[in-house]
Amino acid sequence: MSIQMIALRNGFAAFERRADAKIGLLKEVIEKIQNGEKVDVSGLLGKGNKKQEEEWEQVLRDIEREEEAWAQTSKTKRKIAREAKLKLDKPVDEPDTESKEVPQLKSKSSAPRGFY
């Protein structure tokens, strides 16, 4: 189990590094464009380079998958919270004490009552 946790943590760390690097590159391109500099966007983003294009596609797929997972988790949490609220808001029927008999408890011991 702990090996799986380590592998999962390492995989997520690698994903974060790739995503952060790509996001940083995008920010750099956007800043240059906003400053009025001429930028070879295709060249910086790796257009024409199969390896870089595949990396971009993989990063985008990973980000989309993560967003879907977050959305699904939040939907589930909202549904659970809504159900819990409905349970709390639902009035509790009080038991009818007149119609129910109180069961007689049998003594666990054959010793006289009050005897230790």
PDB file of N, CA and C in Angstrom:
ATOM      1  N   MET A   1       0.824  -1.191   0.000  1.00  0.00           N
ATOM      2  CA  MET A   1       0.000   0.000   0.000  1.00  0.00           C
ATOM      3  C   MET A   1       0.867   1.255   0.000  1.00  0.00           C
ATOM      4  N   SER A   2       1.913   1.264   0.821  1.00  0.00           N
ATOM      5  CA  SER A   2       2.753   2.459   0.899  1.00  0.00           C
ATOM      6  C   SER A   2       3.535   2.664  -0.400  1.00  0.00           C
ATOM      7  N   ILE A   3       3.880   1.584  -1.084  1.00  0.00           N
ATOM      8  CA  ILE A   3       4.576   1.706  -2.366  1.00  0.00           C
ATOM      9  C   ILE A   3       3.658   2.381  -3.381  1.00  0.00           C
ATOM     10  N   GLN A   4       2.384   2.027  -3.353  1.00  0.00           N
ATOM     11  CA  GLN A   4       1.421   2.654  -4.250  1.00  0.00           C
ATOM     12  C   GLN A   4       1.279   4.140  -3.942  1.00  0.00           C
ATOM     13  N   MET A   5       1.279   4.476  -2.665  1.00  0.00           N
ATOM     14  CA  MET A   5       1.176   5.883  -2.268  1.00  0.00           C
ATOM     15  C   MET A   5       2.392   6.670  -2.749  1.00  0.00           C
ATOM     16  N   ILE A   6       3.568   6.080  -2.629  1.00  0.00           N
ATOM     17  CA  ILE A   6       4.789   6.748  -3.085  1.00  0.00           C
ATOM     18  C   ILE A   6       4.748   6.926  -4.600  1.00  0.00           C
ATOM     19  N   ALA A   7       4.324   5.883  -5.314  1.00  0.00           N
ATOM     20  CA  ALA A   7       4.232   5.974  -6.775  1.00  0.00           C
ATOM     21  C   ALA A   7       3.216   7.036  -7.185  1.00  0.00           C
ATOM     22  N   LEU A   8       2.097   7.091  -6.487  1.00  0.00           N
ATOM     23  CA  LEU A   8       1.076   8.093  -6.782  1.00  0.00           C
ATOM     24  C   LEU A   8       1.603   9.498  -6.524  1.00  0.00           C
ATOM     25  N   ARG A   9       2.294   9.672  -5.406  1.00  0.00           N
ATOM     26  CA  ARG A   9       2.860  10.980  -5.070  1.00  0.00           C
ATOM     27  C   ARG A   9       3.895  11.400  -6.114  1.00  0.00           C
ATOM     28  N   ASN A  10       4.750  10.465  -6.522  1.00  0.00           N
ATOM     29  CA  ASN A  10       5.764  10.776  -7.535  1.00  0.00           C
ATOM     30  C   ASN A  10       5.125  11.117  -8.882  1.00  0.00           C
ATOM     31  N   GLY A  11       4.095  10.373  -9.237  1.00  0.00           N
ATOM     32  CA  GLY A  11       3.385  10.648 -10.487  1.00  0.00           C
ATOM     33  C   GLY A  11       2.735  12.018 -10.475  1.00  0.00           C
ATOM     34  N   PHE A  12       2.136  12.362  -9.345  1.00  0.00           N
ATOM     35  CA  PHE A  12       1.501  13.671  -9.239  1.00  0.00           C
ATOM     36  C   PHE A  12       2.538  14.788  -9.258  1.00  0.00           C
ATOM     37  N   ALA A  13       3.684  14.555  -8.613  1.00  0.00           N
ATOM     38  CA  ALA A  13       4.757  15.560  -8.613  1.00  0.00           C
ATOM     39  C   ALA A  13       5.264  15.790 -10.037  1.00  0.00           C
ATOM     40  N   ALA A  14       5.404  14.712 -10.805  1.00  0.00           N
ATOM     41  CA  ALA A  14       5.852  14.844 -12.197  1.00  0.00           C
ATOM     42  C   ALA A  14       4.813  15.609 -13.017  1.00  0.00           C
ATOM     43  N   PHE A  15       3.548  15.286 -12.803  1.00  0.00           N
ATOM     44  CA  PHE A  15       2.468  15.999 -13.495  1.00  0.00           C
ATOM     45  C   PHE A  15       2.507  17.487 -13.162  1.00  0.00           C
ATOM     46  N   GLU A  16       2.674  17.808 -11.878  1.00  0.00           N
ATOM     47  CA  GLU A  16       2.728  19.210 -11.460  1.00  0.00           C
ATOM     48  C   GLU A  16       3.899  19.946 -12.104  1.00  0.00           C
ATOM     49  N   ARG A  17       5.056  19.289 -12.152  1.00  0.00           N
ATOM     50  CA  ARG A  17       6.227  19.926 -12.760  1.00  0.00           C
ATOM     51  C   ARG A  17       5.995  20.211 -14.242  1.00  0.00           C
ATOM     52  N   ARG A  18       5.442  19.208 -14.952  1.00  0.00           N
ATOM     53  CA  ARG A  18       5.169  19.407 -16.379  1.00  0.00           C
ATOM     54  C   ARG A  18       4.158  20.532 -16.589  1.00  0.00           C
ATOM     55  N   ALA A  19       3.079  20.489 -15.808  1.00  0.00           N
ATOM     56  CA  ALA A  19       2.037  21.506 -15.954  1.00  0.00           C
ATOM     57  C   ALA A  19       2.575  22.890 -15.606  1.00  0.00           C
ATOM     58  N   ASP A  20       3.338  22.991 -14.526  1.00  0.00           N
ATOM     59  CA  ASP A  20       3.903  24.290 -14.134  1.00  0.00           C
ATOM     60  C   ASP A  20       4.852  24.832 -15.201  1.00  0.00           C
ATOM     61  N   ALA A  21       5.648  23.952 -15.794  1.00  0.00           N
ATOM     62  CA  ALA A  21       6.575  24.391 -16.843  1.00  0.00           C
ATOM     63  C   ALA A  21       5.807  24.914 -18.053  1.00  0.00           C
ATOM     64  N   LYS A  22       4.765  24.192 -18.446  1.00  0.00           N
ATOM     65  CA  LYS A  22       3.980  24.617 -19.605  1.00  0.00           C
ATOM     66  C   LYS A  22       3.226  25.907 -19.301  1.00  0.00           C
ATOM     67  N   ILE A  23       2.675  26.019 -18.114  1.00  0.00           N
ATOM     68  CA  ILE A  23       1.955  27.237 -17.728  1.00  0.00           C
ATOM     69  C   ILE A  23       2.918  28.419 -17.679  1.00  0.00           C
ATOM     70  N   GLY A  24       4.114  28.181 -17.156  1.00  0.00           N
ATOM     71  CA  GLY A  24       5.125  29.240 -17.128  1.00  0.00           C
ATOM     72  C   GLY A  24       5.485  29.713 -18.524  1.00  0.00           C
ATOM     73  N   LEU A  25       5.613  28.779 -19.441  1.00  0.00           N
ATOM     74  CA  LEU A  25       5.923  29.128 -20.826  1.00  0.00           C
ATOM     75  C   LEU A  25       4.792  29.946 -21.441  1.00  0.00           C
ATOM     76  N   LEU A  26       3.558  29.543 -21.173  1.00  0.00           N
ATOM     77  CA  LEU A  26       2.410  30.298 -21.682  1.00  0.00           C
ATOM     78  C   LEU A  26       2.380  31.713 -21.104  1.00  0.00           C
ATOM     79  N   LYS A  27       2.652  31.838 -19.804  1.00  0.00           N
ATOM     80  CA  LYS A  27       2.678  33.165 -19.178  1.00  0.00           C
ATOM     81  C   LYS A  27       3.740  34.052 -19.822  1.00  0.00           C
ATOM     82  N   GLU A  28       4.894  33.457 -20.086  1.00  0.00           N
ATOM     83  CA  GLU A  28       5.983  34.203 -20.716  1.00  0.00           C
ATOM     84  C   GLU A  28       5.565  34.705 -22.098  1.00  0.00           C
ATOM     85  N   VAL A  29       4.924  33.846 -22.876  1.00  0.00           N
ATOM     86  CA  VAL A  29       4.468  34.230 -24.213  1.00  0.00           C
ATOM     87  C   VAL A  29       3.429  35.346 -24.110  1.00  0.00           C
ATOM     88  N   ILE A  30       2.495  35.214 -23.176  1.00  0.00           N
ATOM     89  CA  ILE A  30       1.441  36.227 -23.008  1.00  0.00           C
ATOM     90  C   ILE A  30       2.040  37.568 -22.604  1.00  0.00           C
ATOM     91  N   GLU A  31       2.996  37.550 -21.675  1.00  0.00           N
ATOM     92  CA  GLU A  31       3.636  38.796 -21.240  1.00  0.00           C
ATOM     93  C   GLU A  31       4.354  39.482 -22.398  1.00  0.00           C
ATOM     94  N   LYS A  32       5.051  38.706 -23.201  1.00  0.00           N
ATOM     95  CA  LYS A  32       5.764  39.287 -24.348  1.00  0.00           C
ATOM     96  C   LYS A  32       4.782  39.918 -25.330  1.00  0.00           C
ATOM     97  N   ILE A  33       3.664  39.242 -25.566  1.00  0.00           N
ATOM     98  CA  ILE A  33       2.657  39.775 -26.487  1.00  0.00           C
ATOM     99  C   ILE A  33       2.052  41.050 -25.913  1.00  0.00           C
ATOM    100  N   GLN A  34       1.764  41.063 -24.608  1.00  0.00           N
ATOM    101  CA  GLN A  34       1.188  42.248 -23.977  1.00  0.00           C
ATOM    102  C   GLN A  34       2.159  43.426 -23.987  1.00  0.00           C
ATOM    103  N   ASN A  35       3.454  43.145 -23.934  1.00  0.00           N
ATOM    104  CA  ASN A  35       4.463  44.208 -23.974  1.00  0.00           C
ATOM    105  C   ASN A  35       4.718  44.705 -25.391  1.00  0.00           C
ATOM    106  N   GLY A  36       4.059  44.091 -26.350  1.00  0.00           N
ATOM    107  CA  GLY A  36       4.191  44.527 -27.734  1.00  0.00           C
ATOM    108  C   GLY A  36       5.379  43.926 -28.456  1.00  0.00           C
ATOM    109  N   GLU A  37       6.022  42.944 -27.860  1.00  0.00           N
ATOM    110  CA  GLU A  37       7.172  42.310 -28.499  1.00  0.00           C
ATOM    111  C   GLU A  37       6.686  41.335 -29.560  1.00  0.00           C
ATOM    112  N   LYS A  38       7.494  41.159 -30.578  1.00  0.00           N
ATOM    113  CA  LYS A  38       7.172  40.149 -31.589  1.00  0.00           C
ATOM    114  C   LYS A  38       7.612  38.801 -31.052  1.00  0.00           C
ATOM    115  N   VAL A  39       6.693  37.870 -31.106  1.00  0.00           N
ATOM    116  CA  VAL A  39       6.959  36.550 -30.534  1.00  0.00           C
ATOM    117  C   VAL A  39       6.625  35.489 -31.567  1.00  0.00           C
ATOM    118  N   ASP A  40       7.513  34.527 -31.702  1.00  0.00           N
ATOM    119  CA  ASP A  40       7.241  33.366 -32.547  1.00  0.00           C
ATOM    120  C   ASP A  40       6.513  32.342 -31.674  1.00  0.00           C
ATOM    121  N   VAL A  41       5.197  32.510 -31.569  1.00  0.00           N
ATOM    122  CA  VAL A  41       4.394  31.662 -30.691  1.00  0.00           C
ATOM    123  C   VAL A  41       4.506  30.207 -31.106  1.00  0.00           C
ATOM    124  N   SER A  42       4.419  29.946 -32.381  1.00  0.00           N
ATOM    125  CA  SER A  42       4.505  28.567 -32.867  1.00  0.00           C
ATOM    126  C   SER A  42       5.829  27.936 -32.482  1.00  0.00           C
ATOM    127  N   GLY A  43       6.897  28.706 -32.624  1.00  0.00           N
ATOM    128  CA  GLY A  43       8.217  28.177 -32.287  1.00  0.00           C
ATOM    129  C   GLY A  43       8.378  27.933 -30.795  1.00  0.00           C
ATOM    130  N   LEU A  44       7.914  28.894 -29.980  1.00  0.00           N
ATOM    131  CA  LEU A  44       8.046  28.747 -28.528  1.00  0.00           C
ATOM    132  C   LEU A  44       7.199  27.601 -27.984  1.00  0.00           C
ATOM    133  N   LEU A  45       6.044  27.409 -28.589  1.00  0.00           N
ATOM    134  CA  LEU A  45       5.157  26.351 -28.109  1.00  0.00           C
ATOM    135  C   LEU A  45       5.444  25.007 -28.758  1.00  0.00           C
ATOM    136  N   GLY A  46       6.407  24.968 -29.657  1.00  0.00           N
ATOM    137  CA  GLY A  46       6.850  23.695 -30.210  1.00  0.00           C
ATOM    138  C   GLY A  46       6.070  23.219 -31.406  1.00  0.00           C
ATOM    139  N   LYS A  47       5.433  24.117 -32.137  1.00  0.00           N
ATOM    140  CA  LYS A  47       4.683  23.697 -33.324  1.00  0.00           C
ATOM    141  C   LYS A  47       5.666  23.163 -34.358  1.00  0.00           C
ATOM    142  N   GLY A  48       5.366  22.003 -34.878  1.00  0.00           N
ATOM    143  CA  GLY A  48       6.241  21.366 -35.853  1.00  0.00           C
ATOM    144  C   GLY A  48       7.162  20.340 -35.213  1.00  0.00           C
ATOM    145  N   ASN A  49       7.349  20.424 -33.920  1.00  0.00           N
ATOM    146  CA  ASN A  49       8.177  19.464 -33.195  1.00  0.00           C
ATOM    147  C   ASN A  49       7.241  18.416 -32.586  1.00  0.00           C
ATOM    148  N   LYS A  50       7.270  17.212 -33.127  1.00  0.00           N
ATOM    149  CA  LYS A  50       6.336  16.159 -32.703  1.00  0.00           C
ATOM    150  C   LYS A  50       6.393  15.900 -31.199  1.00  0.00           C
ATOM    151  N   LYS A  51       7.605  15.841 -30.666  1.00  0.00           N
ATOM    152  CA  LYS A  51       7.759  15.526 -29.245  1.00  0.00           C
ATOM    153  C   LYS A  51       7.098  16.594 -28.376  1.00  0.00           C
ATOM    154  N   GLN A  52       7.343  17.868 -28.683  1.00  0.00           N
ATOM    155  CA  GLN A  52       6.755  18.947 -27.893  1.00  0.00           C
ATOM    156  C   GLN A  52       5.242  19.015 -28.079  1.00  0.00           C
ATOM    157  N   GLU A  53       4.767  18.753 -29.277  1.00  0.00           N
ATOM    158  CA  GLU A  53       3.323  18.746 -29.517  1.00  0.00           C
ATOM    159  C   GLU A  53       2.646  17.652 -28.700  1.00  0.00           C
ATOM    160  N   GLU A  54       3.270  16.473 -28.643  1.00  0.00           N
ATOM    161  CA  GLU A  54       2.721  15.375 -27.848  1.00  0.00           C
ATOM    162  C   GLU A  54       2.730  15.722 -26.360  1.00  0.00           C
ATOM    163  N   GLU A  55       3.798  16.399 -25.910  1.00  0.00           N
ATOM    164  CA  GLU A  55       3.857  16.826 -24.510  1.00  0.00           C
ATOM    165  C   GLU A  55       2.721  17.791 -24.192  1.00  0.00           C
ATOM    166  N   TRP A  56       2.472  18.752 -25.084  1.00  0.00           N
ATOM    167  CA  TRP A  56       1.384  19.698 -24.878  1.00  0.00           C
ATOM    168  C   TRP A  56       0.043  18.972 -24.817  1.00  0.00           C
ATOM    169  N   GLU A  57      -0.162  18.049 -25.732  1.00  0.00           N
ATOM    170  CA  GLU A  57      -1.417  17.302 -25.743  1.00  0.00           C
ATOM    171  C   GLU A  57      -1.588  16.508 -24.450  1.00  0.00           C
ATOM    172  N   GLN A  58      -0.519  15.879 -23.986  1.00  0.00           N
ATOM    173  CA  GLN A  58      -0.578  15.100 -22.753  1.00  0.00           C
ATOM    174  C   GLN A  58      -0.885  15.998 -21.553  1.00  0.00           C
ATOM    175  N   VAL A  59      -0.227  17.144 -21.483  1.00  0.00           N
ATOM    176  CA  VAL A  59      -0.471  18.072 -20.373  1.00  0.00           C
ATOM    177  C   VAL A  59      -1.918  18.551 -20.397  1.00  0.00           C
ATOM    178  N   LEU A  60      -2.418  18.899 -21.571  1.00  0.00           N
ATOM    179  CA  LEU A  60      -3.806  19.360 -21.677  1.00  0.00           C
ATOM    180  C   LEU A  60      -4.787  18.262 -21.278  1.00  0.00           C
ATOM    181  N   ARG A  61      -4.518  17.021 -21.715  1.00  0.00           N
ATOM    182  CA  ARG A  61      -5.387  15.903 -21.321  1.00  0.00           C
ATOM    183  C   ARG A  61      -5.364  15.703 -19.811  1.00  0.00           C
ATOM    184  N   ASP A  62      -4.167  15.778 -19.219  1.00  0.00           N
ATOM    185  CA  ASP A  62      -4.047  15.608 -17.770  1.00  0.00           C
ATOM    186  C   ASP A  62      -4.811  16.693 -17.020  1.00  0.00           C
ATOM    187  N   ILE A  63      -4.695  17.923 -17.493  1.00  0.00           N
ATOM    188  CA  ILE A  63      -5.406  19.031 -16.841  1.00  0.00           C
ATOM    189  C   ILE A  63      -6.912  18.842 -16.964  1.00  0.00           C
ATOM    190  N   GLU A  64      -7.383  18.445 -18.136  1.00  0.00           N
ATOM    191  CA  GLU A  64      -8.814  18.208 -18.325  1.00  0.00           C
ATOM    192  C   GLU A  64      -9.302  17.079 -17.428  1.00  0.00           C
ATOM    193  N   ARG A  65      -8.516  16.011 -17.332  1.00  0.00           N
ATOM    194  CA  ARG A  65      -8.883  14.878 -16.488  1.00  0.00           C
ATOM    195  C   ARG A  65      -8.964  15.308 -15.018  1.00  0.00           C
ATOM    196  N   GLU A  66      -8.009  16.126 -14.601  1.00  0.00           N
ATOM    197  CA  GLU A  66      -8.005  16.601 -13.217  1.00  0.00           C
ATOM    198  C   GLU A  66      -9.212  17.496 -12.944  1.00  0.00           C
ATOM    199  N   GLU A  67      -9.555  18.361 -13.895  1.00  0.00           N
ATOM    200  CA  GLU A  67     -10.725  19.227 -13.734  1.00  0.00           C
ATOM    201  C   GLU A  67     -12.001  18.397 -13.630  1.00  0.00           C
ATOM    202  N   GLU A  68     -12.112  17.350 -14.448  1.00  0.00           N
ATOM    203  CA  GLU A  68     -13.285  16.481 -14.386  1.00  0.00           C
ATOM    204  C   GLU A  68     -13.372  15.788 -13.034  1.00  0.00           C
ATOM    205  N   ALA A  69     -12.238  15.339 -12.527  1.00  0.00           N
ATOM    206  CA  ALA A  69     -12.228  14.678 -11.221  1.00  0.00           C
ATOM    207  C   ALA A  69     -12.660  15.645 -10.127  1.00  0.00           C
ATOM    208  N   TRP A  70     -12.163  16.885 -10.178  1.00  0.00           N
ATOM    209  CA  TRP A  70     -12.562  17.884  -9.182  1.00  0.00           C
ATOM    210  C   TRP A  70     -14.053  18.178  -9.289  1.00  0.00           C
ATOM    211  N   ALA A  71     -14.561  18.296 -10.502  1.00  0.00           N
ATOM    212  CA  ALA A  71     -15.980  18.581 -10.696  1.00  0.00           C
ATOM    213  C   ALA A  71     -16.830  17.437 -10.158  1.00  0.00           C
ATOM    214  N   GLN A  72     -16.427  16.212 -10.432  1.00  0.00           N
ATOM    215  CA  GLN A  72     -17.166  15.051  -9.950  1.00  0.00           C
ATOM    216  C   GLN A  72     -17.150  15.000  -8.429  1.00  0.00           C
ATOM    217  N   THR A  73     -16.004  15.287  -7.832  1.00  0.00           N
ATOM    218  CA  THR A  73     -15.886  15.279  -6.380  1.00  0.00           C
ATOM    219  C   THR A  73     -16.783  16.343  -5.764  1.00  0.00           C
ATOM    220  N   SER A  74     -16.798  17.531  -6.353  1.00  0.00           N
ATOM    221  CA  SER A  74     -17.627  18.598  -5.792  1.00  0.00           C
ATOM    222  C   SER A  74     -19.107  18.275  -5.952  1.00  0.00           C
ATOM    223  N   LYS A  75     -19.498  17.640  -7.066  1.00  0.00           N
ATOM    224  CA  LYS A  75     -20.890  17.231  -7.240  1.00  0.00           C
ATOM    225  C   LYS A  75     -21.282  16.225  -6.173  1.00  0.00           C
ATOM    226  N   THR A  76     -20.406  15.265  -5.914  1.00  0.00           N
ATOM    227  CA  THR A  76     -20.681  14.243  -4.912  1.00  0.00           C
ATOM    228  C   THR A  76     -20.812  14.874  -3.534  1.00  0.00           C
ATOM    229  N   LYS A  77     -19.914  15.797  -3.201  1.00  0.00           N
ATOM    230  CA  LYS A  77     -19.974  16.456  -1.895  1.00  0.00           C
ATOM    231  C   LYS A  77     -21.259  17.259  -1.753  1.00  0.00           C
ATOM    232  N   ARG A  78     -21.653  17.972  -2.813  1.00  0.00           N
ATOM    233  CA  ARG A  78     -22.897  18.747  -2.758  1.00  0.00           C
ATOM    234  C   ARG A  78     -24.098  17.829  -2.572  1.00  0.00           C
ATOM    235  N   LYS A  79     -24.096  16.687  -3.255  1.00  0.00           N
ATOM    236  CA  LYS A  79     -25.207  15.749  -3.142  1.00  0.00           C
ATOM    237  C   LYS A  79     -25.291  15.195  -1.724  1.00  0.00           C
ATOM    238  N   ILE A  80     -24.157  14.834  -1.144  1.00  0.00           N
ATOM    239  CA  ILE A  80     -24.135  14.310   0.220  1.00  0.00           C
ATOM    240  C   ILE A  80     -24.616  15.375   1.196  1.00  0.00           C
ATOM    241  N   ALA A  81     -24.165  16.615   1.013  1.00  0.00           N
ATOM    242  CA  ALA A  81     -24.583  17.703   1.900  1.00  0.00           C
ATOM    243  C   ALA A  81     -26.083  17.953   1.774  1.00  0.00           C
ATOM    244  N   ARG A  82     -26.604  17.906   0.553  1.00  0.00           N
ATOM    245  CA  ARG A  82     -28.033  18.110   0.336  1.00  0.00           C
ATOM    246  C   ARG A  82     -28.840  17.010   1.019  1.00  0.00           C
ATOM    247  N   GLU A  83     -28.401  15.756   0.886  1.00  0.00           N
ATOM    248  CA  GLU A  83     -29.104  14.642   1.521  1.00  0.00           C
ATOM    249  C   GLU A  83     -29.053  14.755   3.038  1.00  0.00           C
ATOM    250  N   ALA A  84     -27.912  15.168   3.573  1.00  0.00           N
ATOM    251  CA  ALA A  84     -27.790  15.330   5.021  1.00  0.00           C
ATOM    252  C   ALA A  84     -28.708  16.438   5.508  1.00  0.00           C
ATOM    253  N   LYS A  85     -28.814  17.517   4.742  1.00  0.00           N
ATOM    254  CA  LYS A  85     -29.688  18.623   5.127  1.00  0.00           C
ATOM    255  C   LYS A  85     -31.140  18.165   5.113  1.00  0.00           C
ATOM    256  N   LEU A  86     -31.517  17.382   4.108  1.00  0.00           N
ATOM    257  CA  LEU A  86     -32.885  16.874   4.049  1.00  0.00           C
ATOM    258  C   LEU A  86     -33.194  15.985   5.243  1.00  0.00           C
ATOM    259  N   LYS A  87     -32.222  15.170   5.639  1.00  0.00           N
ATOM    260  CA  LYS A  87     -32.431  14.302   6.798  1.00  0.00           C
ATOM    261  C   LYS A  87     -32.595  15.123   8.065  1.00  0.00           C
ATOM    262  N   LEU A  88     -31.831  16.209   8.184  1.00  0.00           N
ATOM    263  CA  LEU A  88     -31.927  17.057   9.368  1.00  0.00           C
ATOM    264  C   LEU A  88     -33.225  17.849   9.384  1.00  0.00           C
ATOM    265  N   ASP A  89     -33.698  18.263   8.220  1.00  0.00           N
ATOM    266  CA  ASP A  89     -34.925  19.050   8.136  1.00  0.00           C
ATOM    267  C   ASP A  89     -36.179  18.198   8.284  1.00  0.00           C
ATOM    268  N   LYS A  90     -36.068  16.920   8.038  1.00  0.00           N
ATOM    269  CA  LYS A  90     -37.213  16.023   8.105  1.00  0.00           C
ATOM    270  C   LYS A  90     -37.679  15.900   9.553  1.00  0.00           C
ATOM    271  N   PRO A  91     -38.984  16.131   9.822  1.00  0.00           N
ATOM    272  CA  PRO A  91     -39.465  16.025  11.201  1.00  0.00           C
ATOM    273  C   PRO A  91     -39.410  14.579  11.685  1.00  0.00           C
ATOM    274  N   VAL A  92     -39.061  14.442  12.922  1.00  0.00           N
ATOM    275  CA  VAL A  92     -38.954  13.120  13.524  1.00  0.00           C
ATOM    276  C   VAL A  92     -40.287  12.792  14.180  1.00  0.00           C
ATOM    277  N   ASP A  93     -40.857  11.645  13.833  1.00  0.00           N
ATOM    278  CA  ASP A  93     -42.100  11.211  14.463  1.00  0.00           C
ATOM    279  C   ASP A  93     -41.803  10.747  15.873  1.00  0.00           C
ATOM    280  N   GLU A  94     -42.584  11.280  16.808  1.00  0.00           N
ATOM    281  CA  GLU A  94     -42.400  10.842  18.186  1.00  0.00           C
ATOM    282  C   GLU A  94     -43.120   9.515  18.363  1.00  0.00           C
ATOM    283  N   PRO A  95     -42.524   8.602  19.077  1.00  0.00           N
ATOM    284  CA  PRO A  95     -43.171   7.303  19.266  1.00  0.00           C
ATOM    285  C   PRO A  95     -44.404   7.438  20.146  1.00  0.00           C
ATOM    286  N   ASP A  96     -45.404   6.642  19.834  1.00  0.00           N
ATOM    287  CA  ASP A  96     -46.644   6.632  20.598  1.00  0.00           C
ATOM    288  C   ASP A  96     -46.430   5.746  21.816  1.00  0.00           C
ATOM    289  N   THR A  97     -46.312   6.346  22.998  1.00  0.00           N
ATOM    290  CA  THR A  97     -45.984   5.589  24.205  1.00  0.00           C
ATOM    291  C   THR A  97     -47.182   4.846  24.757  1.00  0.00           C
ATOM    292  N   GLU A  98     -48.390   5.268  24.424  1.00  0.00           N
ATOM    293  CA  GLU A  98     -49.574   4.607  24.961  1.00  0.00           C
ATOM    294  C   GLU A  98     -49.795   3.241  24.331  1.00  0.00           C
ATOM    295  N   SER A  99     -49.518   3.108  23.054  1.00  0.00           N
ATOM    296  CA  SER A  99     -49.815   1.860  22.372  1.00  0.00           C
ATOM    297  C   SER A  99     -48.710   0.822  22.529  1.00  0.00           C
ATOM    298  N   LYS A 100     -47.537   1.248  22.930  1.00  0.00           N
ATOM    299  CA  LYS A 100     -46.437   0.301  23.066  1.00  0.00           C
ATOM    300  C   LYS A 100     -46.283  -0.099  24.524  1.00  0.00           C
ATOM    301  N   GLU A 101     -46.072  -1.371  24.711  1.00  0.00           N
ATOM    302  CA  GLU A 101     -45.847  -1.865  26.063  1.00  0.00           C
ATOM    303  C   GLU A 101     -44.364  -1.835  26.363  1.00  0.00           C
ATOM    304  N   VAL A 102     -44.052  -1.559  27.588  1.00  0.00           N
ATOM    305  CA  VAL A 102     -42.664  -1.557  28.009  1.00  0.00           C
ATOM    306  C   VAL A 102     -42.295  -2.996  28.318  1.00  0.00           C
ATOM    307  N   PRO A 103     -41.297  -3.546  27.655  1.00  0.00           N
ATOM    308  CA  PRO A 103     -40.937  -4.943  27.912  1.00  0.00           C
ATOM    309  C   PRO A 103     -40.347  -5.096  29.313  1.00  0.00           C
ATOM    310  N   GLN A 104     -40.701  -6.195  29.938  1.00  0.00           N
ATOM    311  CA  GLN A 104     -40.184  -6.504  31.268  1.00  0.00           C
ATOM    312  C   GLN A 104     -38.819  -7.148  31.114  1.00  0.00           C
ATOM    313  N   LEU A 105     -37.858  -6.615  31.816  1.00  0.00           N
ATOM    314  CA  LEU A 105     -36.516  -7.158  31.760  1.00  0.00           C
ATOM    315  C   LEU A 105     -36.395  -8.300  32.753  1.00  0.00           C
ATOM    316  N   LYS A 106     -35.810  -9.385  32.302  1.00  0.00           N
ATOM    317  CA  LYS A 106     -35.594 -10.519  33.191  1.00  0.00           C
ATOM    318  C   LYS A 106     -34.346 -10.268  34.002  1.00  0.00           C
ATOM    319  N   SER A 107     -34.360 -10.750  35.175  1.00  0.00           N
ATOM    320  CA  SER A 107     -33.204 -10.615  36.041  1.00  0.00           C
ATOM    321  C   SER A 107     -32.106 -11.525  35.514  1.00  0.00           C
ATOM    322  N   LYS A 108     -30.883 -11.041  35.511  1.00  0.00           N
ATOM    323  CA  LYS A 108     -29.776 -11.829  35.002  1.00  0.00           C
ATOM    324  C   LYS A 108     -29.284 -12.833  36.034  1.00  0.00           C
ATOM    325  N   SER A 109     -29.633 -12.598  37.249  1.00  0.00           N
ATOM    326  CA  SER A 109     -29.135 -13.452  38.313  1.00  0.00           C
ATOM    327  C   SER A 109     -30.311 -14.062  39.061  1.00  0.00           C
ATOM    328  N   SER A 110     -30.076 -15.207  39.669  1.00  0.00           N
ATOM    329  CA  SER A 110     -31.127 -15.827  40.467  1.00  0.00           C
ATOM    330  C   SER A 110     -31.002 -15.425  41.934  1.00  0.00           C
ATOM    331  N   ALA A 111     -30.049 -14.553  42.224  1.00  0.00           N
ATOM    332  CA  ALA A 111     -29.859 -14.085  43.598  1.00  0.00           C
ATOM    333  C   ALA A 111     -30.976 -13.119  43.948  1.00  0.00           C
ATOM    334  N   PRO A 112     -31.255 -12.996  45.211  1.00  0.00           N
ATOM    335  CA  PRO A 112     -32.293 -12.051  45.626  1.00  0.00           C
ATOM    336  C   PRO A 112     -31.914 -10.625  45.221  1.00  0.00           C
ATOM    337  N   ARG A 113     -32.924  -9.839  44.973  1.00  0.00           N
ATOM    338  CA  ARG A 113     -32.715  -8.467  44.533  1.00  0.00           C
ATOM    339  C   ARG A 113     -32.011  -7.666  45.627  1.00  0.00           C
ATOM    340  N   GLY A 114     -31.045  -6.850  45.217  1.00  0.00           N
ATOM    341  CA  GLY A 114     -30.302  -6.049  46.174  1.00  0.00           C
ATOM    342  C   GLY A 114     -29.118  -6.786  46.763  1.00  0.00           C
ATOM    343  N   PHE A 115     -28.994  -8.043  46.427  1.00  0.00           N
ATOM    344  CA  PHE A 115     -27.868  -8.827  46.912  1.00  0.00           C
ATOM    345  C   PHE A 115     -26.703  -8.629  45.962  1.00  0.00           C
ATOM    346  N   TYR A 116     -25.520  -8.394  46.517  1.00  0.00           N
ATOM    347  CA  TYR A 116     -24.361  -8.134  45.664  1.00  0.00           C
ATOM    348  C   TYR A 116     -23.934  -9.409  45.078  1.00  0.00           C
TER     349      TYR A 116
END
